[in-house]
Protein backbone atom coordinates (compact mmCIF):
# COMPACT_ATOMS: atom_id res chain seq x y z
CA MET A 1 0.00 0.00 0.00
CA ARG A 2 1.43 3.39 -1.00
CA SER A 3 1.76 5.96 1.76
CA LEU A 4 0.48 9.49 1.33
CA PRO A 5 2.99 12.31 0.82
CA ALA A 6 3.85 14.25 3.95
CA ALA A 7 2.26 17.41 2.52
CA MET A 8 -1.04 15.62 1.96
CA LEU A 9 -0.92 14.12 5.45
CA GLY A 10 -0.32 17.58 6.88
CA ALA A 11 -3.24 19.04 4.93
CA ALA A 12 -5.50 16.22 6.07
CA ALA A 13 -4.51 16.77 9.66
CA VAL A 14 -5.26 20.49 9.37
CA ALA A 15 -8.66 19.77 7.76
CA LEU A 16 -9.49 17.26 10.50
CA ALA A 17 -8.49 19.68 13.24
CA THR A 18 -10.48 22.46 11.60
CA GLY A 19 -13.53 20.22 11.29
CA CYS A 20 -13.29 19.21 14.94
CA ALA A 21 -12.96 22.82 16.03
CA ALA A 22 -15.95 23.87 13.95
CA GLY A 23 -18.01 20.97 15.31
CA ALA A 24 -17.05 21.86 18.88
CA ARG A 25 -18.70 25.24 18.50
CA ARG A 26 -22.12 23.63 18.16
CA THR A 27 -22.94 22.67 21.73
CA THR A 28 -26.02 22.29 23.90
CA PRO A 29 -27.61 25.43 25.33
CA GLU A 30 -26.86 26.76 28.80
CA LEU A 31 -29.84 29.05 29.18
CA SER A 32 -28.56 30.57 32.42
CA GLU A 33 -25.91 32.28 30.29
CA LEU A 34 -28.66 34.07 28.35
CA GLU A 35 -30.11 35.79 31.40
CA GLY A 36 -31.06 39.37 30.62
CA ARG A 37 -30.06 39.12 26.94
CA ARG A 38 -32.35 39.94 24.01
CA VAL A 39 -33.44 36.92 21.95
CA ALA A 40 -35.37 37.12 18.68
CA LEU A 41 -37.37 34.17 17.34
CA ILE A 42 -36.53 34.49 13.66
CA ALA A 43 -38.02 31.40 12.08
CA VAL A 44 -40.02 28.24 12.74
CA GLU A 45 -39.50 25.74 9.93
CA GLY A 46 -41.97 22.97 9.18
CA GLU A 47 -45.34 22.14 7.64
CA ALA A 48 -47.77 25.06 7.87
CA THR A 49 -50.11 23.67 10.55
CA ALA A 50 -47.28 22.25 12.63
CA ARG A 51 -45.42 25.55 12.36
CA LYS A 52 -48.37 27.56 13.67
CA VAL A 53 -49.07 25.27 16.61
CA VAL A 54 -45.39 24.96 17.55
CA GLU A 55 -44.81 28.72 17.34
CA VAL A 56 -47.69 29.44 19.75
CA ALA A 57 -46.44 26.84 22.23
CA LEU A 58 -42.81 27.99 21.91
CA VAL A 59 -43.60 31.67 22.46
CA ASN A 60 -45.74 30.75 25.49
CA GLN A 61 -42.88 28.83 27.05
CA LEU A 62 -40.25 31.41 26.09
CA VAL A 63 -42.24 34.07 27.93
CA GLU A 64 -43.06 31.82 30.90
CA ASN A 65 -39.69 30.11 31.42
CA GLY A 66 -37.07 32.24 29.71
CA THR A 67 -34.74 34.31 31.89
CA PHE A 68 -33.88 36.38 28.81
CA ILE A 69 -35.79 39.13 27.00
CA LEU A 70 -37.88 37.94 24.05
CA VAL A 71 -37.93 40.49 21.23
CA ASN A 72 -41.49 41.38 20.21
CA LYS A 73 -42.68 39.64 17.02
CA LYS A 74 -43.80 43.04 15.68
CA ASP A 75 -40.22 44.32 15.91
CA VAL A 76 -39.03 41.28 13.95
CA ASP A 77 -41.71 41.85 11.29
CA VAL A 78 -40.78 45.55 11.02
CA ALA A 79 -37.13 44.59 10.57
CA ARG A 80 -38.07 42.01 7.93
CA ALA A 81 -40.02 44.63 5.93
CA ARG A 82 -37.25 47.24 6.17
CA VAL A 83 -35.88 48.47 2.81
CA GLY A 84 -32.63 46.75 1.97
CA GLN A 85 -33.13 43.94 4.49
CA ASP A 86 -32.49 40.54 2.94
CA PRO A 87 -35.14 38.19 4.45
CA ALA A 88 -32.73 35.27 3.96
CA ASP A 89 -30.12 37.01 6.14
CA TRP A 90 -31.52 35.76 9.43
CA LYS A 91 -28.57 37.02 11.50
CA GLY A 92 -28.88 40.50 10.00
CA LEU A 93 -32.61 40.36 10.59
CA ALA A 94 -32.11 39.54 14.27
CA ARG A 95 -29.60 42.38 14.67
CA SER A 96 -31.95 44.79 12.93
CA ALA A 97 -34.69 43.80 15.40
CA GLY A 98 -32.37 44.73 18.27
CA ALA A 99 -31.51 41.19 19.36
CA GLU A 100 -28.28 39.84 20.76
CA LEU A 101 -29.17 36.24 19.95
CA ALA A 102 -31.14 34.68 17.12
CA LEU A 103 -33.38 31.68 17.75
CA ARG A 104 -34.49 29.34 15.01
CA ALA A 105 -36.77 26.32 15.43
CA ARG A 106 -37.16 23.34 13.13
CA VAL A 107 -40.08 20.93 13.53
CA LEU A 108 -38.72 17.38 13.31
CA THR A 109 -41.83 15.43 14.35
CA PHE A 110 -45.44 16.53 14.77
CA ASP A 111 -47.74 13.51 14.81
CA ALA A 112 -50.88 12.35 16.58
CA ASN A 113 -52.10 8.86 15.72
CA VAL A 114 -55.33 7.15 16.78
CA THR A 115 -55.35 3.43 17.51
CA GLU A 116 -58.28 1.19 18.42
CA GLY A 117 -58.45 -2.07 20.28
CA TYR A 118 -60.07 -3.92 23.15
CA SER A 119 -59.41 -4.23 26.85
CA ALA A 120 -60.98 -6.30 29.58
CA GLU A 121 -62.12 -5.82 33.14
CA LYS A 122 -63.30 -8.22 35.77
CA VAL A 123 -66.93 -7.83 36.78
CA LYS A 124 -69.12 -9.71 39.25
CA ASP A 125 -71.77 -11.92 37.69
CA SER A 126 -74.72 -12.40 40.06
CA GLN A 127 -76.01 -15.40 38.10
CA LEU A 128 -72.66 -17.20 38.36
CA ALA A 129 -72.56 -16.36 42.06
CA ALA A 130 -75.96 -17.94 42.54
CA GLU A 131 -75.08 -21.05 40.53
CA ARG A 132 -71.44 -21.65 41.53
CA GLY A 133 -70.80 -19.55 44.62
CA GLU A 134 -69.04 -16.27 45.30
CA ASP A 135 -65.57 -17.60 44.38
CA ALA A 136 -66.67 -18.18 40.77
CA ALA A 137 -68.69 -14.98 40.47
CA GLU A 138 -66.09 -12.95 38.55
CA THR A 139 -65.95 -12.88 34.76
CA GLU A 140 -64.15 -10.75 32.18
CA ARG A 141 -65.99 -8.16 30.12
CA LEU A 142 -64.46 -6.80 26.91
CA TYR A 143 -64.84 -3.15 25.94
CA LYS A 144 -63.54 -1.01 23.10
CA VAL A 145 -60.58 1.30 23.65
CA ARG A 146 -59.36 4.21 21.55
CA ALA A 147 -55.99 5.85 22.13
CA LEU A 148 -54.44 9.08 20.84
CA GLU A 149 -50.66 9.19 20.92
CA GLY A 150 -48.83 12.45 20.25
CA ASN A 151 -45.15 12.91 19.41
CA VAL A 152 -43.54 16.35 19.12
CA ARG A 153 -39.83 16.97 18.46
CA VAL A 154 -38.44 20.43 17.68
CA GLU A 155 -34.81 21.44 17.28
CA LEU A 156 -34.01 24.83 18.85
CA GLU A 157 -30.89 26.68 17.73
CA PHE A 158 -29.55 29.74 19.58
CA THR A 159 -26.87 31.80 17.81
CA ASP A 160 -24.85 34.47 19.60
CA LEU A 161 -24.68 37.30 17.07
CA SER A 162 -21.49 38.79 18.54
CA THR A 163 -19.42 35.58 18.61
CA GLY A 164 -21.19 33.26 16.15
CA ASP A 165 -21.43 30.62 18.88
CA VAL A 166 -24.21 28.12 18.10
CA ARG A 167 -26.07 26.19 20.79
CA SER A 168 -28.72 23.65 19.81
CA ALA A 169 -30.77 20.82 21.30
CA VAL A 170 -34.07 19.04 20.71
CA ALA A 171 -37.23 19.68 22.70
CA GLU A 172 -39.32 16.52 22.66
CA LYS A 173 -42.31 14.92 24.31
CA GLN A 174 -44.48 11.86 23.75
CA GLN A 175 -47.89 11.57 25.37
CA LYS A 176 -50.79 9.15 25.14
CA VAL A 177 -54.43 9.50 26.19
CA VAL A 178 -56.86 6.60 26.28
CA ALA A 179 -60.65 6.65 26.10
CA ASP A 180 -62.78 3.57 26.68
CA THR A 181 -66.42 2.58 26.51
CA SER A 182 -66.51 0.81 29.88
CA GLN A 183 -68.24 3.81 31.45
CA SER A 184 -69.34 5.99 28.51
CA ALA A 185 -68.68 6.80 24.86
CA ALA A 186 -64.98 6.83 23.92
CA HIS A 187 -64.18 10.51 23.32
CA LEU A 188 -60.68 11.73 22.49
CA PRO A 189 -59.51 15.37 22.59
CA PRO A 190 -59.21 17.34 19.30
CA ARG A 191 -55.94 16.42 17.59
CA LEU A 192 -54.41 19.91 17.24
CA ARG A 193 -55.38 21.02 20.75
CA PHE A 194 -53.82 17.82 22.08
CA LEU A 195 -50.61 18.39 20.09
CA GLU A 196 -50.35 21.99 21.32
CA GLY A 197 -50.41 20.65 24.86
CA VAL A 198 -47.72 18.10 24.01
CA ALA A 199 -45.60 20.86 22.44
CA ASN A 200 -45.98 23.05 25.53
CA GLN A 201 -44.75 20.19 27.70
CA ALA A 202 -41.83 19.55 25.34
CA PHE A 203 -40.65 23.16 25.59
CA SER A 204 -41.28 23.36 29.32
CA ARG A 205 -39.08 20.31 29.84
CA PHE A 206 -36.45 21.78 27.47
CA PHE A 207 -36.14 24.99 29.51
CA GLU A 208 -35.99 22.99 32.72
CA GLU A 209 -33.32 20.63 31.40
CA TYR A 210 -31.02 23.29 29.92
CA ARG A 211 -31.55 25.96 32.60
């Protein structure tokens, strides 16, 4: 096997070191470091419905749990409409809105699936009790079950506009609700309202974890 020339080995080593250094800049958030700083939510990427629901939940949790200052959406919109402002220049847009950090969100998963099946419960049968005694009075009764399982995953990326430092992590939450017909009709909550609640919990846990 032929060995690589020393110059090529040196170049490869430099490229590897550079790649490692660049990768090291992208770390998980430490939200305590953002205390008192101005953060602008620049973009939420994803399917239209998912984007709307996630943005509402994210803003709610940013206001409720953030120790930083959230730039008003109107200020971001004014900056976006400013003459000469390139809408694709998200860092410039955040600066123009008066922010110190730019926040972008990307919806990775936004699903709520309904499944149906059957479950069983033990009930007392008075006829069996009369015929066979109390010990044989229990029997199983089947009833229909419907379940709604939600899964929300959103990547949040904070960029320090003065240093270019990027911090990112995924906010995620899975939740399941079950309705059965053992007592009444099997009613499940509206899908989008349910997913908004799941998203709120995902972001709440995110701010708790990376505080």
